[in-house]
Amino acid sequence: MLNVNGLNYLPNNRNQEDIDNVNWDLMEISKIDDKIIKRLLDKINSGISDDFYISLESLIQIGEKAKPALISFIKNNKINSNTKIILYFIIDYIENKGTDYPLVFKLYNPDFVVRARTIMELEDSDYSDYLEYILPLIEDPDDSVRWAIIKYLSSNNLIDNPLVRGKLNSHITNELNPVIKSKIKDIL
């Protein structure tokens, strides 16, 4: 469980043994060292998961202290393009003390309900510039988020985009939810 601003986050896809043995805890920023930042970066690089979301939020809160490790991690590690987009987003946010894409924080919120609602919000508006941040969420651990993405892509006529098609084609074999898998097949 992570306590951020008085909110407790419990992972939504873990069993009781994992919850009892969680590695997340509240910590003073002054006590955070490079080893902790590296562990957060490793969790982000390992793919979309509950730990990914909490790690991203933690790095944002660490701020300037995390920047050298972020830059070094990008230069010295093999990372996929989705992870690279997120790491550059964090660096840009730290450097500029803000962002042109404020909904990214909601898209990558540790609470899956917030993520799904944000995608639905984007579906009802013309925010196509968020596509690069939305697409990685097709790997989200929560079915409702993945379903919201499929609806977003379909209703905004983004299925013919080669990037979207490629992502959906590569994801379809990993999709466990038969309803979502069927919908992806239908739209492809």
Protein backbone atom coordinates (compact mmCIF):
# COMPACT_ATOMS: atom_id res chain seq x y z
CA MET A 1 0.00 0.00 0.00
CA LEU A 2 1.22 3.48 -0.82
CA ASN A 3 0.06 6.49 1.13
CA VAL A 4 0.08 9.62 -1.01
CA ASN A 5 -1.53 12.83 0.15
CA GLY A 6 -3.58 10.92 2.71
CA LEU A 7 -4.89 8.40 0.14
CA ASN A 8 -4.12 4.73 0.46
CA TYR A 9 -3.57 2.79 -2.73
CA LEU A 10 -4.02 -0.94 -2.63
CA PRO A 11 -3.06 -2.87 -5.71
CA ASN A 12 -6.21 -4.07 -7.51
CA ASN A 13 -4.82 -7.28 -8.97
CA ARG A 14 -2.89 -8.87 -6.14
CA ASN A 15 -3.70 -11.74 -3.83
CA GLN A 16 -3.76 -11.42 -0.03
CA GLU A 17 -0.20 -12.72 0.34
CA ASP A 18 1.09 -9.96 -1.98
CA ILE A 19 -0.91 -7.30 -0.12
CA ASP A 20 0.54 -8.44 3.20
CA ASN A 21 4.05 -8.36 1.72
CA VAL A 22 3.94 -5.07 -0.19
CA ASN A 23 7.15 -3.12 -0.70
CA TRP A 24 5.46 0.29 -0.91
CA ASP A 25 5.66 2.70 1.98
CA LEU A 26 5.57 6.41 2.71
CA MET A 27 9.03 7.96 2.73
CA GLU A 28 10.58 11.38 3.15
CA ILE A 29 12.06 12.66 -0.10
CA SER A 30 15.30 13.51 1.71
CA LYS A 31 15.77 9.79 2.48
CA ILE A 32 15.30 8.67 -1.12
CA ASP A 33 18.57 7.65 -2.74
CA ASP A 34 19.65 6.57 -6.23
CA LYS A 35 19.02 2.91 -5.38
CA ILE A 36 15.34 3.61 -4.63
CA ILE A 37 14.97 5.74 -7.75
CA LYS A 38 16.55 2.93 -9.82
CA ARG A 39 14.02 0.45 -8.39
CA LEU A 40 11.18 2.81 -9.37
CA LEU A 41 12.60 3.10 -12.88
CA ASP A 42 12.94 -0.68 -13.14
CA LYS A 43 9.27 -1.06 -12.18
CA ILE A 44 8.27 1.43 -14.89
CA ASN A 45 10.44 -0.35 -17.44
CA SER A 46 8.95 -3.74 -16.58
CA GLY A 47 5.60 -2.78 -18.13
CA ILE A 48 2.15 -1.57 -17.23
CA SER A 49 1.11 -2.81 -13.78
CA ASP A 50 -0.05 -1.42 -10.48
CA ASP A 51 3.61 -0.95 -9.53
CA PHE A 52 4.16 0.99 -12.76
CA TYR A 53 1.49 3.55 -11.85
CA ILE A 54 2.71 4.00 -8.29
CA SER A 55 6.33 4.27 -9.47
CA LEU A 56 5.42 6.97 -11.99
CA GLU A 57 3.57 8.96 -9.35
CA SER A 58 6.49 8.53 -6.96
CA LEU A 59 9.04 9.80 -9.49
CA ILE A 60 6.89 12.85 -10.20
CA GLN A 61 6.76 13.59 -6.47
CA ILE A 62 10.51 13.07 -6.07
CA GLY A 63 10.98 15.66 -8.80
CA GLU A 64 14.35 17.28 -9.45
CA LYS A 65 16.19 14.71 -7.34
CA ALA A 66 15.10 11.99 -9.81
CA LYS A 67 16.08 13.84 -12.98
CA PRO A 68 19.75 12.69 -13.25
CA ALA A 69 18.72 9.06 -12.70
CA LEU A 70 15.97 9.38 -15.32
CA ILE A 71 18.40 10.73 -17.92
CA SER A 72 21.00 8.08 -17.09
CA PHE A 73 18.38 5.31 -17.20
CA ILE A 74 17.24 6.37 -20.68
CA LYS A 75 20.85 6.50 -21.97
CA ASN A 76 22.08 3.27 -20.38
CA ASN A 77 19.15 0.86 -20.55
CA LYS A 78 17.20 -0.90 -23.21
CA ILE A 79 13.69 0.51 -22.91
CA ASN A 80 10.69 0.26 -25.18
CA SER A 81 9.16 3.27 -26.91
CA ASN A 82 6.15 3.38 -24.54
CA THR A 83 8.41 3.58 -21.51
CA LYS A 84 10.60 6.18 -23.21
CA ILE A 85 7.54 8.41 -23.82
CA ILE A 86 6.63 8.26 -20.13
CA LEU A 87 10.18 8.90 -18.92
CA TYR A 88 10.52 11.92 -21.21
CA PHE A 89 7.14 13.14 -19.96
CA ILE A 90 8.42 12.98 -16.36
CA ILE A 91 11.63 14.82 -17.27
CA ASP A 92 9.69 17.49 -19.15
CA TYR A 93 7.32 17.91 -16.22
CA ILE A 94 10.20 18.27 -13.75
CA GLU A 95 12.08 20.76 -15.95
CA ASN A 96 9.06 22.91 -16.79
CA LYS A 97 7.20 22.62 -13.47
CA GLY A 98 4.10 21.71 -15.46
CA THR A 99 2.81 20.05 -18.60
CA ASP A 100 0.81 20.67 -21.74
CA TYR A 101 -0.82 17.28 -21.12
CA PRO A 102 -2.40 17.49 -17.66
CA LEU A 103 -4.68 14.50 -18.27
CA VAL A 104 -1.64 12.19 -18.37
CA PHE A 105 -1.68 12.23 -14.57
CA LYS A 106 -5.23 10.91 -14.63
CA LEU A 107 -4.46 8.39 -17.38
CA TYR A 108 -1.64 6.98 -15.27
CA ASN A 109 -3.32 7.31 -11.88
CA PRO A 110 -2.90 4.31 -9.55
CA ASP A 111 -6.73 4.07 -9.31
CA PHE A 112 -8.09 2.13 -12.29
CA VAL A 113 -11.47 3.91 -12.02
CA VAL A 114 -9.75 7.27 -12.58
CA ARG A 115 -7.89 5.82 -15.59
CA ALA A 116 -11.06 4.42 -17.18
CA ARG A 117 -13.06 7.61 -16.58
CA THR A 118 -10.31 9.73 -18.07
CA ILE A 119 -10.30 7.64 -21.23
CA MET A 120 -14.08 8.02 -21.45
CA GLU A 121 -13.65 11.78 -20.98
CA LEU A 122 -11.13 11.85 -23.81
CA GLU A 123 -13.48 9.79 -25.98
CA ASP A 124 -16.10 12.52 -25.79
CA SER A 125 -13.71 15.26 -26.86
CA ASP A 126 -11.06 15.89 -29.49
CA TYR A 127 -7.87 15.02 -27.63
CA SER A 128 -6.16 12.98 -30.32
CA ASP A 129 -2.80 14.35 -29.16
CA TYR A 130 -3.09 12.04 -26.13
CA LEU A 131 -2.96 8.91 -28.31
CA GLU A 132 0.69 8.16 -27.53
CA TYR A 133 -0.19 8.15 -23.81
CA ILE A 134 -3.39 6.15 -24.23
CA LEU A 135 -2.06 3.34 -26.41
CA PRO A 136 0.28 1.77 -23.82
CA LEU A 137 -2.73 1.36 -21.53
CA ILE A 138 -4.02 -1.46 -23.73
CA GLU A 139 -1.75 -3.52 -21.43
CA ASP A 140 -3.52 -2.21 -18.29
CA PRO A 141 -4.17 -4.88 -15.64
CA ASP A 142 -7.81 -3.76 -15.36
CA ASP A 143 -10.43 -4.89 -17.91
CA SER A 144 -12.46 -1.68 -17.63
CA VAL A 145 -9.46 0.42 -18.70
CA ARG A 146 -8.73 -1.84 -21.68
CA TRP A 147 -12.41 -1.78 -22.67
CA ALA A 148 -12.50 2.03 -22.46
CA ILE A 149 -9.46 2.19 -24.74
CA ILE A 150 -11.09 -0.06 -27.34
CA LYS A 151 -14.20 2.15 -27.28
CA TYR A 152 -12.05 5.30 -27.50
CA LEU A 153 -10.10 4.00 -30.49
CA SER A 154 -13.20 2.77 -32.25
CA SER A 155 -15.41 5.82 -31.68
CA ASN A 156 -12.64 8.22 -32.74
CA ASN A 157 -11.93 6.26 -35.95
CA LEU A 158 -8.36 5.57 -34.96
CA ILE A 159 -8.35 1.88 -35.87
CA ASP A 160 -6.85 2.54 -39.31
CA ASN A 161 -3.87 4.34 -37.77
CA PRO A 162 -0.90 1.96 -38.39
CA LEU A 163 0.41 2.53 -34.86
CA VAL A 164 -2.97 1.60 -33.35
CA ARG A 165 -3.42 -1.42 -35.62
CA GLY A 166 0.03 -2.70 -34.76
CA LYS A 167 -0.54 -2.29 -31.04
CA LEU A 168 -3.92 -4.05 -31.16
CA ASN A 169 -2.55 -6.87 -33.34
CA SER A 170 0.31 -7.49 -30.93
CA HIS A 171 -1.99 -7.29 -27.90
CA ILE A 172 -4.76 -9.59 -29.09
CA THR A 173 -2.84 -12.79 -28.30
CA ASN A 174 -2.24 -11.61 -24.72
CA GLU A 175 -5.81 -10.45 -24.05
CA LEU A 176 -7.42 -12.69 -21.42
CA ASN A 177 -10.91 -11.17 -21.41
CA PRO A 178 -12.94 -12.96 -24.13
CA VAL A 179 -15.30 -9.98 -24.63
CA ILE A 180 -12.41 -7.55 -25.20
CA LYS A 181 -10.60 -10.08 -27.39
CA SER A 182 -13.73 -10.50 -29.52
CA LYS A 183 -14.20 -6.74 -29.84
CA ILE A 184 -10.59 -6.28 -30.96
CA LYS A 185 -11.08 -8.98 -33.61
CA ASP A 186 -14.27 -7.28 -34.78
CA ILE A 187 -12.70 -3.86 -35.21
CA LEU A 188 -9.55 -5.15 -36.87
